[in-house]
Amino acid sequence: MKMNVLLVDDNKHFIEALKFMILEHFSDRISELFVAYNGVECLDILKKQSVDIVFMDKEMPVLNGTETTKKVIDMYRDIKIIAVSFHSELQDITQMLEAGARNYIVKEEITPETIEKCLNKF
C-alpha cells in the first residue's frame, strides 16, 4: 500500500535532504509527498489532503512541533507522526512523545534505515 507523506520543518535545506532521501529509497512506497514549513501550513495541508505519516520538526516558528502534533492527533487520530529534531535531550523527546508522536529521530541520525523502520511500523 502506498502512503502519503508530509514533511514539516522550517529548515528548507533539511526538507530537501529528507525529501531526496525518501524519494531516492522509498519512491515505490510513496504516493504523494507534501511539504510545510511550520505548524500552521501543516494544518492547512491536512485540511485538504489525506496524509498517512508526518515527519514533524519540534522547533518551528508560528506553531511549534509539539503544539502542532497535539492538534493533529486530536483532529486526525489515524495519522502517524514521527518527531525529528536536532535536540536529543530527554525532555524534548518526552514532550513530543507525550504530544502524540510515535517515534523521535535526531536529525543527525536520519538514514535510509531509520526512515525504513518508521515506514515499516505503519
C-alpha atoms as a PDB file:
ATOM      1  CA  MET A   1       0.000   0.000   0.000  1.00  0.00           C
ATOM      2  CA  LYS A   2       1.362   3.402  -0.992  1.00  0.00           C
ATOM      3  CA  MET A   3       1.242   6.217   1.523  1.00  0.00           C
ATOM      4  CA  ASN A   4       1.055   9.996   1.528  1.00  0.00           C
ATOM      5  CA  VAL A   5       3.856  11.665   3.487  1.00  0.00           C
ATOM      6  CA  LEU A   6       4.077  15.203   4.870  1.00  0.00           C
ATOM      7  CA  LEU A   7       7.407  16.790   5.844  1.00  0.00           C
ATOM      8  CA  VAL A   8       7.076  19.678   8.316  1.00  0.00           C
ATOM      9  CA  ASP A   9      10.215  21.702   9.069  1.00  0.00           C
ATOM     10  CA  ASP A  10      11.243  25.358   8.870  1.00  0.00           C
ATOM     11  CA  ASN A  11      14.724  24.416   7.566  1.00  0.00           C
ATOM     12  CA  LYS A  12      14.430  24.273   3.767  1.00  0.00           C
ATOM     13  CA  HIS A  13      17.809  22.527   3.399  1.00  0.00           C
ATOM     14  CA  PHE A  14      16.761  19.767   5.789  1.00  0.00           C
ATOM     15  CA  ILE A  15      13.415  19.372   3.984  1.00  0.00           C
ATOM     16  CA  GLU A  16      15.197  18.999   0.645  1.00  0.00           C
ATOM     17  CA  ALA A  17      17.661  16.448   2.052  1.00  0.00           C
ATOM     18  CA  LEU A  18      14.920  14.380   3.712  1.00  0.00           C
ATOM     19  CA  LYS A  19      12.714  14.607   0.627  1.00  0.00           C
ATOM     20  CA  PHE A  20      15.593  13.405  -1.554  1.00  0.00           C
ATOM     21  CA  MET A  21      16.370  10.503   0.803  1.00  0.00           C
ATOM     22  CA  ILE A  22      12.740   9.391   0.965  1.00  0.00           C
ATOM     23  CA  LEU A  23      12.171   9.603  -2.787  1.00  0.00           C
ATOM     24  CA  GLU A  24      15.547   8.019  -3.590  1.00  0.00           C
ATOM     25  CA  HIS A  25      14.954   4.969  -1.396  1.00  0.00           C
ATOM     26  CA  PHE A  26      11.188   4.641  -0.983  1.00  0.00           C
ATOM     27  CA  SER A  27       9.511   6.107  -4.078  1.00  0.00           C
ATOM     28  CA  ASP A  28       7.789   2.763  -4.683  1.00  0.00           C
ATOM     29  CA  ARG A  29       6.001   3.165  -1.321  1.00  0.00           C
ATOM     30  CA  ILE A  30       5.102   6.869  -1.584  1.00  0.00           C
ATOM     31  CA  SER A  31       2.016   8.059  -3.394  1.00  0.00           C
ATOM     32  CA  GLU A  32       2.419  11.790  -2.672  1.00  0.00           C
ATOM     33  CA  LEU A  33       4.901  13.833  -0.664  1.00  0.00           C
ATOM     34  CA  PHE A  34       3.845  17.201   0.757  1.00  0.00           C
ATOM     35  CA  VAL A  35       5.928  19.920   2.450  1.00  0.00           C
ATOM     36  CA  ALA A  36       5.050  22.501   5.117  1.00  0.00           C
ATOM     37  CA  TYR A  37       7.403  24.998   6.746  1.00  0.00           C
ATOM     38  CA  ASN A  38       5.528  25.482  10.041  1.00  0.00           C
ATOM     39  CA  GLY A  39       2.663  24.070  12.043  1.00  0.00           C
ATOM     40  CA  VAL A  40       0.024  26.341  10.534  1.00  0.00           C
ATOM     41  CA  GLU A  41       0.972  25.235   7.000  1.00  0.00           C
ATOM     42  CA  CYS A  42       0.866  21.627   8.216  1.00  0.00           C
ATOM     43  CA  LEU A  43      -2.699  22.005   9.497  1.00  0.00           C
ATOM     44  CA  ASP A  44      -3.745  23.739   6.253  1.00  0.00           C
ATOM     45  CA  ILE A  45      -2.404  20.837   4.172  1.00  0.00           C
ATOM     46  CA  LEU A  46      -4.130  18.266   6.379  1.00  0.00           C
ATOM     47  CA  LYS A  47      -7.475  20.010   5.828  1.00  0.00           C
ATOM     48  CA  LYS A  48      -7.074  19.450   2.065  1.00  0.00           C
ATOM     49  CA  GLN A  49      -5.019  16.256   1.708  1.00  0.00           C
ATOM     50  CA  SER A  50      -5.155  12.752   3.075  1.00  0.00           C
ATOM     51  CA  VAL A  51      -1.841  12.027   4.834  1.00  0.00           C
ATOM     52  CA  ASP A  52      -0.651   8.784   6.436  1.00  0.00           C
ATOM     53  CA  ILE A  53       2.613   9.816   8.069  1.00  0.00           C
ATOM     54  CA  VAL A  54       4.115  13.161   9.117  1.00  0.00           C
ATOM     55  CA  PHE A  55       7.779  13.842   9.827  1.00  0.00           C
ATOM     56  CA  MET A  56       7.428  16.756  12.280  1.00  0.00           C
ATOM     57  CA  ASP A  57      10.198  19.109  13.406  1.00  0.00           C
ATOM     58  CA  LYS A  58       9.991  20.054  17.079  1.00  0.00           C
ATOM     59  CA  GLU A  59      11.264  23.647  16.855  1.00  0.00           C
ATOM     60  CA  MET A  60       9.482  25.879  14.317  1.00  0.00           C
ATOM     61  CA  PRO A  61       8.191  29.438  14.197  1.00  0.00           C
ATOM     62  CA  VAL A  62       4.469  30.292  14.091  1.00  0.00           C
ATOM     63  CA  LEU A  63       3.313  26.981  15.636  1.00  0.00           C
ATOM     64  CA  ASN A  64       5.921  24.592  17.040  1.00  0.00           C
ATOM     65  CA  GLY A  65       6.024  20.838  16.532  1.00  0.00           C
ATOM     66  CA  THR A  66       4.772  19.910  19.990  1.00  0.00           C
ATOM     67  CA  GLU A  67       1.614  22.014  19.715  1.00  0.00           C
ATOM     68  CA  THR A  68       1.083  21.025  16.074  1.00  0.00           C
ATOM     69  CA  THR A  69       1.406  17.338  16.992  1.00  0.00           C
ATOM     70  CA  LYS A  70      -1.245  17.714  19.723  1.00  0.00           C
ATOM     71  CA  LYS A  71      -3.636  19.392  17.273  1.00  0.00           C
ATOM     72  CA  VAL A  72      -3.035  16.819  14.525  1.00  0.00           C
ATOM     73  CA  ILE A  73      -3.590  13.888  16.896  1.00  0.00           C
ATOM     74  CA  ASP A  74      -6.789  15.499  18.245  1.00  0.00           C
ATOM     75  CA  MET A  75      -8.178  16.099  14.767  1.00  0.00           C
ATOM     76  CA  TYR A  76      -6.782  13.144  12.770  1.00  0.00           C
ATOM     77  CA  ARG A  77      -6.225  10.116  15.009  1.00  0.00           C
ATOM     78  CA  ASP A  78      -5.041   7.822  12.191  1.00  0.00           C
ATOM     79  CA  ILE A  79      -2.101   9.995  11.146  1.00  0.00           C
ATOM     80  CA  LYS A  80       1.272   8.710  12.395  1.00  0.00           C
ATOM     81  CA  ILE A  81       3.716  11.415  13.488  1.00  0.00           C
ATOM     82  CA  ILE A  82       7.470  10.927  13.614  1.00  0.00           C
ATOM     83  CA  ALA A  83       9.219  13.728  15.520  1.00  0.00           C
ATOM     84  CA  VAL A  84      12.513  14.972  14.104  1.00  0.00           C
ATOM     85  CA  SER A  85      14.843  17.394  15.836  1.00  0.00           C
ATOM     86  CA  PHE A  86      18.448  18.399  16.362  1.00  0.00           C
ATOM     87  CA  HIS A  87      17.691  18.170  20.101  1.00  0.00           C
ATOM     88  CA  SER A  88      18.395  14.836  21.769  1.00  0.00           C
ATOM     89  CA  GLU A  89      17.608  15.786  25.367  1.00  0.00           C
ATOM     90  CA  LEU A  90      15.144  13.528  27.183  1.00  0.00           C
ATOM     91  CA  GLN A  91      12.856  16.498  27.912  1.00  0.00           C
ATOM     92  CA  ASP A  92      12.475  17.258  24.177  1.00  0.00           C
ATOM     93  CA  ILE A  93      11.849  13.612  23.312  1.00  0.00           C
ATOM     94  CA  THR A  94       9.317  13.239  26.137  1.00  0.00           C
ATOM     95  CA  GLN A  95       7.408  16.389  25.075  1.00  0.00           C
ATOM     96  CA  MET A  96       6.931  15.120  21.529  1.00  0.00           C
ATOM     97  CA  LEU A  97       6.014  11.573  22.551  1.00  0.00           C
ATOM     98  CA  GLU A  98       3.523  12.873  25.130  1.00  0.00           C
ATOM     99  CA  ALA A  99       2.029  15.126  22.442  1.00  0.00           C
ATOM    100  CA  GLY A 100       1.322  12.016  20.370  1.00  0.00           C
ATOM    101  CA  ALA A 101       4.372  11.341  18.197  1.00  0.00           C
ATOM    102  CA  ARG A 102       5.002   7.629  17.604  1.00  0.00           C
ATOM    103  CA  ASN A 103       8.772   7.942  17.332  1.00  0.00           C
ATOM    104  CA  TYR A 104      11.555  10.519  17.734  1.00  0.00           C
ATOM    105  CA  ILE A 105      14.584  10.762  15.459  1.00  0.00           C
ATOM    106  CA  VAL A 106      17.562  13.045  15.998  1.00  0.00           C
ATOM    107  CA  LYS A 107      18.236  14.734  12.644  1.00  0.00           C
ATOM    108  CA  GLU A 108      21.930  13.795  12.542  1.00  0.00           C
ATOM    109  CA  GLU A 109      20.939  10.139  12.883  1.00  0.00           C
ATOM    110  CA  ILE A 110      18.469  10.022   9.982  1.00  0.00           C
ATOM    111  CA  THR A 111      19.464   7.378   7.459  1.00  0.00           C
ATOM    112  CA  PRO A 112      17.501   5.325   4.944  1.00  0.00           C
ATOM    113  CA  GLU A 113      17.441   2.591   7.606  1.00  0.00           C
ATOM    114  CA  THR A 114      15.834   4.826  10.245  1.00  0.00           C
ATOM    115  CA  ILE A 115      13.254   6.039   7.725  1.00  0.00           C
ATOM    116  CA  GLU A 116      12.522   2.470   6.707  1.00  0.00           C
ATOM    117  CA  LYS A 117      11.894   1.476  10.331  1.00  0.00           C
ATOM    118  CA  CYS A 118       9.403   4.329  10.632  1.00  0.00           C
ATOM    119  CA  LEU A 119       7.638   3.424   7.380  1.00  0.00           C
ATOM    120  CA  ASN A 120       7.537  -0.272   8.263  1.00  0.00           C
ATOM    121  CA  LYS A 121       5.671   0.406  11.510  1.00  0.00           C
ATOM    122  CA  PHE A 122       2.732   1.708   9.515  1.00  0.00           C
END
